Amino acid sequence: MAFTIQIGVDASLQDSWLIHRILNFKEELNREFIRSGIATISDAGAVDRALDSLTITIPSKRSLSSVSKCIDKALLRHEVAQSIRVQRLK
């Protein structure tokens, strides 16, 4: 059974420092998911568009906690938690 997490962004293009951090956050998640194979991002182009949402598909329940930890760590590392919404869809 696959699980889906949606990551939304609440930011403005006027906040250039925040946009840069959000892009780094998304790129880190993409690299980690590709490297580990624990999840996939449905629209790889959204990684390079700071204000677009990401939809992450996790193939198994076993990987769900690893993905959640990866997201939490990246939120802290890039200091973007105040501008990111993480929602589990399934």
N, C-alpha and C. Protein backbone atom coordinates (compact mmCIF):
# COMPACT_ATOMS: atom_id res chain seq x y z
N MET A 1 0.84 -1.18 0.00
CA MET A 1 0.00 0.00 0.00
C MET A 1 0.89 1.24 0.00
N ALA A 2 0.67 2.13 -0.92
CA ALA A 2 1.47 3.36 -1.03
C ALA A 2 0.85 4.47 -0.19
N PHE A 3 1.69 5.36 0.28
CA PHE A 3 1.27 6.52 1.05
C PHE A 3 1.70 7.77 0.30
N THR A 4 0.97 8.86 0.51
CA THR A 4 1.27 10.12 -0.17
C THR A 4 1.38 11.24 0.84
N ILE A 5 2.42 12.04 0.68
CA ILE A 5 2.61 13.25 1.49
C ILE A 5 2.68 14.43 0.54
N GLN A 6 1.96 15.48 0.87
CA GLN A 6 2.03 16.70 0.08
C GLN A 6 2.72 17.78 0.89
N ILE A 7 3.68 18.43 0.27
CA ILE A 7 4.41 19.53 0.91
C ILE A 7 4.03 20.81 0.19
N GLY A 8 3.35 21.69 0.91
CA GLY A 8 2.93 22.97 0.36
C GLY A 8 3.85 24.08 0.84
N VAL A 9 3.84 25.18 0.12
CA VAL A 9 4.72 26.31 0.43
C VAL A 9 3.89 27.57 0.64
N ASP A 10 4.14 28.26 1.75
CA ASP A 10 3.54 29.56 2.02
C ASP A 10 4.65 30.60 2.04
N ALA A 11 4.90 31.20 0.90
CA ALA A 11 5.96 32.20 0.79
C ALA A 11 5.64 33.13 -0.38
N SER A 12 6.38 34.20 -0.45
CA SER A 12 6.22 35.18 -1.52
C SER A 12 7.54 35.30 -2.28
N LEU A 13 7.44 35.59 -3.56
CA LEU A 13 8.65 35.76 -4.36
C LEU A 13 9.50 36.94 -3.87
N GLN A 14 8.91 37.85 -3.12
CA GLN A 14 9.66 38.99 -2.59
C GLN A 14 10.65 38.56 -1.51
N ASP A 15 10.43 37.40 -0.90
CA ASP A 15 11.33 36.90 0.15
C ASP A 15 12.45 36.07 -0.48
N SER A 16 13.39 36.73 -1.14
CA SER A 16 14.41 36.00 -1.91
C SER A 16 15.25 35.08 -1.03
N TRP A 17 15.58 35.49 0.18
CA TRP A 17 16.38 34.62 1.07
C TRP A 17 15.59 33.37 1.42
N LEU A 18 14.28 33.50 1.62
CA LEU A 18 13.43 32.35 1.95
C LEU A 18 13.26 31.44 0.73
N ILE A 19 13.10 32.03 -0.43
CA ILE A 19 12.96 31.24 -1.67
C ILE A 19 14.20 30.37 -1.87
N HIS A 20 15.37 30.95 -1.64
CA HIS A 20 16.62 30.20 -1.78
C HIS A 20 16.65 29.02 -0.80
N ARG A 21 16.24 29.23 0.43
CA ARG A 21 16.21 28.16 1.44
C ARG A 21 15.21 27.07 1.07
N ILE A 22 14.04 27.49 0.55
CA ILE A 22 13.03 26.51 0.15
C ILE A 22 13.53 25.65 -1.00
N LEU A 23 14.18 26.26 -1.97
CA LEU A 23 14.76 25.48 -3.08
C LEU A 23 15.80 24.49 -2.57
N ASN A 24 16.65 24.91 -1.66
CA ASN A 24 17.65 24.00 -1.09
C ASN A 24 16.98 22.85 -0.33
N PHE A 25 15.92 23.15 0.39
CA PHE A 25 15.15 22.13 1.12
C PHE A 25 14.59 21.09 0.14
N LYS A 26 13.95 21.55 -0.92
CA LYS A 26 13.37 20.64 -1.90
C LYS A 26 14.44 19.81 -2.61
N GLU A 27 15.55 20.45 -2.96
CA GLU A 27 16.63 19.73 -3.63
C GLU A 27 17.22 18.65 -2.73
N GLU A 28 17.36 18.97 -1.44
CA GLU A 28 17.89 17.97 -0.51
C GLU A 28 16.97 16.76 -0.42
N LEU A 29 15.66 17.00 -0.30
CA LEU A 29 14.71 15.89 -0.25
C LEU A 29 14.80 15.05 -1.52
N ASN A 30 14.82 15.69 -2.67
CA ASN A 30 14.90 14.97 -3.93
C ASN A 30 16.15 14.10 -4.00
N ARG A 31 17.30 14.67 -3.65
CA ARG A 31 18.56 13.90 -3.67
C ARG A 31 18.48 12.70 -2.73
N GLU A 32 17.96 12.91 -1.52
CA GLU A 32 17.89 11.83 -0.54
C GLU A 32 16.95 10.73 -1.00
N PHE A 33 15.81 11.10 -1.56
CA PHE A 33 14.86 10.08 -2.01
C PHE A 33 15.40 9.30 -3.20
N ILE A 34 16.10 9.96 -4.10
CA ILE A 34 16.72 9.26 -5.22
C ILE A 34 17.82 8.32 -4.72
N ARG A 35 18.66 8.83 -3.81
CA ARG A 35 19.78 8.04 -3.29
C ARG A 35 19.29 6.80 -2.55
N SER A 36 18.32 6.98 -1.67
CA SER A 36 17.88 5.88 -0.81
C SER A 36 16.80 5.02 -1.42
N GLY A 37 16.01 5.58 -2.35
CA GLY A 37 14.92 4.83 -2.94
C GLY A 37 13.71 4.67 -2.04
N ILE A 38 13.64 5.43 -0.95
CA ILE A 38 12.53 5.27 0.00
C ILE A 38 11.26 5.99 -0.44
N ALA A 39 11.37 6.90 -1.41
CA ALA A 39 10.20 7.65 -1.88
C ALA A 39 10.51 8.25 -3.25
N THR A 40 9.44 8.72 -3.90
CA THR A 40 9.60 9.41 -5.18
C THR A 40 8.78 10.70 -5.15
N ILE A 41 9.25 11.69 -5.88
CA ILE A 41 8.53 12.94 -6.04
C ILE A 41 7.85 12.88 -7.39
N SER A 42 6.53 13.08 -7.39
CA SER A 42 5.75 12.85 -8.61
C SER A 42 6.08 13.83 -9.73
N ASP A 43 6.36 15.09 -9.41
CA ASP A 43 6.69 16.09 -10.43
C ASP A 43 8.08 16.63 -10.13
N ALA A 44 9.08 16.04 -10.74
CA ALA A 44 10.47 16.44 -10.47
C ALA A 44 10.70 17.91 -10.78
N GLY A 45 9.96 18.48 -11.71
CA GLY A 45 10.10 19.89 -12.04
C GLY A 45 9.70 20.80 -10.89
N ALA A 46 8.80 20.34 -10.03
CA ALA A 46 8.37 21.14 -8.88
C ALA A 46 9.50 21.37 -7.88
N VAL A 47 10.52 20.53 -7.94
CA VAL A 47 11.69 20.70 -7.06
C VAL A 47 12.38 22.03 -7.37
N ASP A 48 12.39 22.42 -8.64
CA ASP A 48 13.07 23.64 -9.07
C ASP A 48 12.16 24.87 -9.09
N ARG A 49 10.91 24.69 -8.70
CA ARG A 49 9.97 25.82 -8.62
C ARG A 49 9.61 26.01 -7.15
N ALA A 50 10.17 27.04 -6.54
CA ALA A 50 10.10 27.23 -5.09
C ALA A 50 8.69 27.25 -4.53
N LEU A 51 7.75 27.84 -5.21
CA LEU A 51 6.41 28.01 -4.65
C LEU A 51 5.45 26.87 -4.98
N ASP A 52 5.87 25.91 -5.78
CA ASP A 52 5.02 24.77 -6.12
C ASP A 52 5.04 23.72 -5.03
N SER A 53 3.92 23.03 -4.88
CA SER A 53 3.83 21.93 -3.92
C SER A 53 4.57 20.71 -4.46
N LEU A 54 5.03 19.89 -3.53
CA LEU A 54 5.63 18.59 -3.88
C LEU A 54 4.68 17.49 -3.44
N THR A 55 4.53 16.48 -4.26
CA THR A 55 3.78 15.30 -3.86
C THR A 55 4.77 14.14 -3.80
N ILE A 56 4.87 13.56 -2.63
CA ILE A 56 5.83 12.49 -2.39
C ILE A 56 5.07 11.19 -2.22
N THR A 57 5.48 10.17 -2.95
CA THR A 57 4.86 8.86 -2.84
C THR A 57 5.83 7.91 -2.13
N ILE A 58 5.31 7.27 -1.09
CA ILE A 58 6.10 6.33 -0.30
C ILE A 58 5.51 4.95 -0.54
N PRO A 59 6.30 4.02 -1.09
CA PRO A 59 5.75 2.74 -1.52
C PRO A 59 5.31 1.80 -0.40
N SER A 60 5.86 1.96 0.81
CA SER A 60 5.51 1.02 1.87
C SER A 60 5.44 1.73 3.22
N LYS A 61 4.70 1.13 4.12
CA LYS A 61 4.56 1.68 5.47
C LYS A 61 5.92 1.69 6.18
N ARG A 62 6.75 0.73 5.85
CA ARG A 62 8.07 0.63 6.46
C ARG A 62 8.93 1.87 6.19
N SER A 63 8.76 2.48 5.03
CA SER A 63 9.55 3.67 4.65
C SER A 63 8.95 4.97 5.17
N LEU A 64 7.72 4.93 5.65
CA LEU A 64 7.02 6.15 6.06
C LEU A 64 7.75 6.91 7.16
N SER A 65 8.23 6.22 8.17
CA SER A 65 8.94 6.91 9.26
C SER A 65 10.28 7.48 8.79
N SER A 66 10.96 6.79 7.89
CA SER A 66 12.22 7.30 7.35
C SER A 66 12.00 8.57 6.55
N VAL A 67 10.94 8.61 5.76
CA VAL A 67 10.62 9.79 4.97
C VAL A 67 10.26 10.95 5.90
N SER A 68 9.45 10.68 6.92
CA SER A 68 9.07 11.73 7.87
C SER A 68 10.29 12.31 8.58
N LYS A 69 11.20 11.46 8.99
CA LYS A 69 12.43 11.93 9.65
C LYS A 69 13.28 12.76 8.70
N CYS A 70 13.36 12.33 7.46
CA CYS A 70 14.13 13.07 6.45
C CYS A 70 13.54 14.46 6.24
N ILE A 71 12.23 14.55 6.15
CA ILE A 71 11.56 15.84 5.97
C ILE A 71 11.80 16.73 7.19
N ASP A 72 11.63 16.17 8.39
CA ASP A 72 11.82 16.96 9.62
C ASP A 72 13.24 17.50 9.73
N LYS A 73 14.22 16.68 9.43
CA LYS A 73 15.62 17.11 9.49
C LYS A 73 15.90 18.22 8.48
N ALA A 74 15.38 18.06 7.27
CA ALA A 74 15.60 19.07 6.23
C ALA A 74 14.91 20.39 6.59
N LEU A 75 13.72 20.31 7.19
CA LEU A 75 13.03 21.53 7.63
C LEU A 75 13.88 22.30 8.63
N LEU A 76 14.46 21.59 9.57
CA LEU A 76 15.31 22.24 10.58
C LEU A 76 16.60 22.77 9.97
N ARG A 77 17.24 21.97 9.14
CA ARG A 77 18.53 22.35 8.55
C ARG A 77 18.41 23.61 7.70
N HIS A 78 17.33 23.73 6.95
CA HIS A 78 17.16 24.86 6.04
C HIS A 78 16.33 25.99 6.64
N GLU A 79 15.86 25.79 7.86
CA GLU A 79 15.10 26.82 8.60
C GLU A 79 13.91 27.34 7.80
N VAL A 80 13.09 26.40 7.28
CA VAL A 80 11.92 26.78 6.49
C VAL A 80 10.61 26.25 7.07
N ALA A 81 10.64 25.72 8.27
CA ALA A 81 9.44 25.11 8.86
C ALA A 81 8.25 26.06 8.91
N GLN A 82 8.50 27.34 9.11
CA GLN A 82 7.40 28.31 9.21
C GLN A 82 6.70 28.53 7.88
N SER A 83 7.31 28.14 6.78
CA SER A 83 6.74 28.39 5.45
C SER A 83 6.33 27.12 4.72
N ILE A 84 6.46 25.97 5.36
CA ILE A 84 6.17 24.70 4.72
C ILE A 84 5.04 23.98 5.45
N ARG A 85 4.07 23.47 4.66
CA ARG A 85 2.97 22.66 5.21
C ARG A 85 3.19 21.21 4.75
N VAL A 86 3.22 20.30 5.71
CA VAL A 86 3.36 18.88 5.37
C VAL A 86 2.06 18.19 5.74
N GLN A 87 1.47 17.51 4.75
CA GLN A 87 0.18 16.88 4.96
C GLN A 87 0.21 15.46 4.39
N ARG A 88 -0.19 14.50 5.20
CA ARG A 88 -0.29 13.12 4.72
C ARG A 88 -1.66 12.93 4.08
N LEU A 89 -1.67 12.52 2.83
CA LEU A 89 -2.92 12.37 2.09
C LEU A 89 -3.52 10.98 2.20
N LYS A 90 -2.71 9.96 2.27
CA LYS A 90 -3.22 8.58 2.36
C LYS A 90 -2.53 7.87 3.49
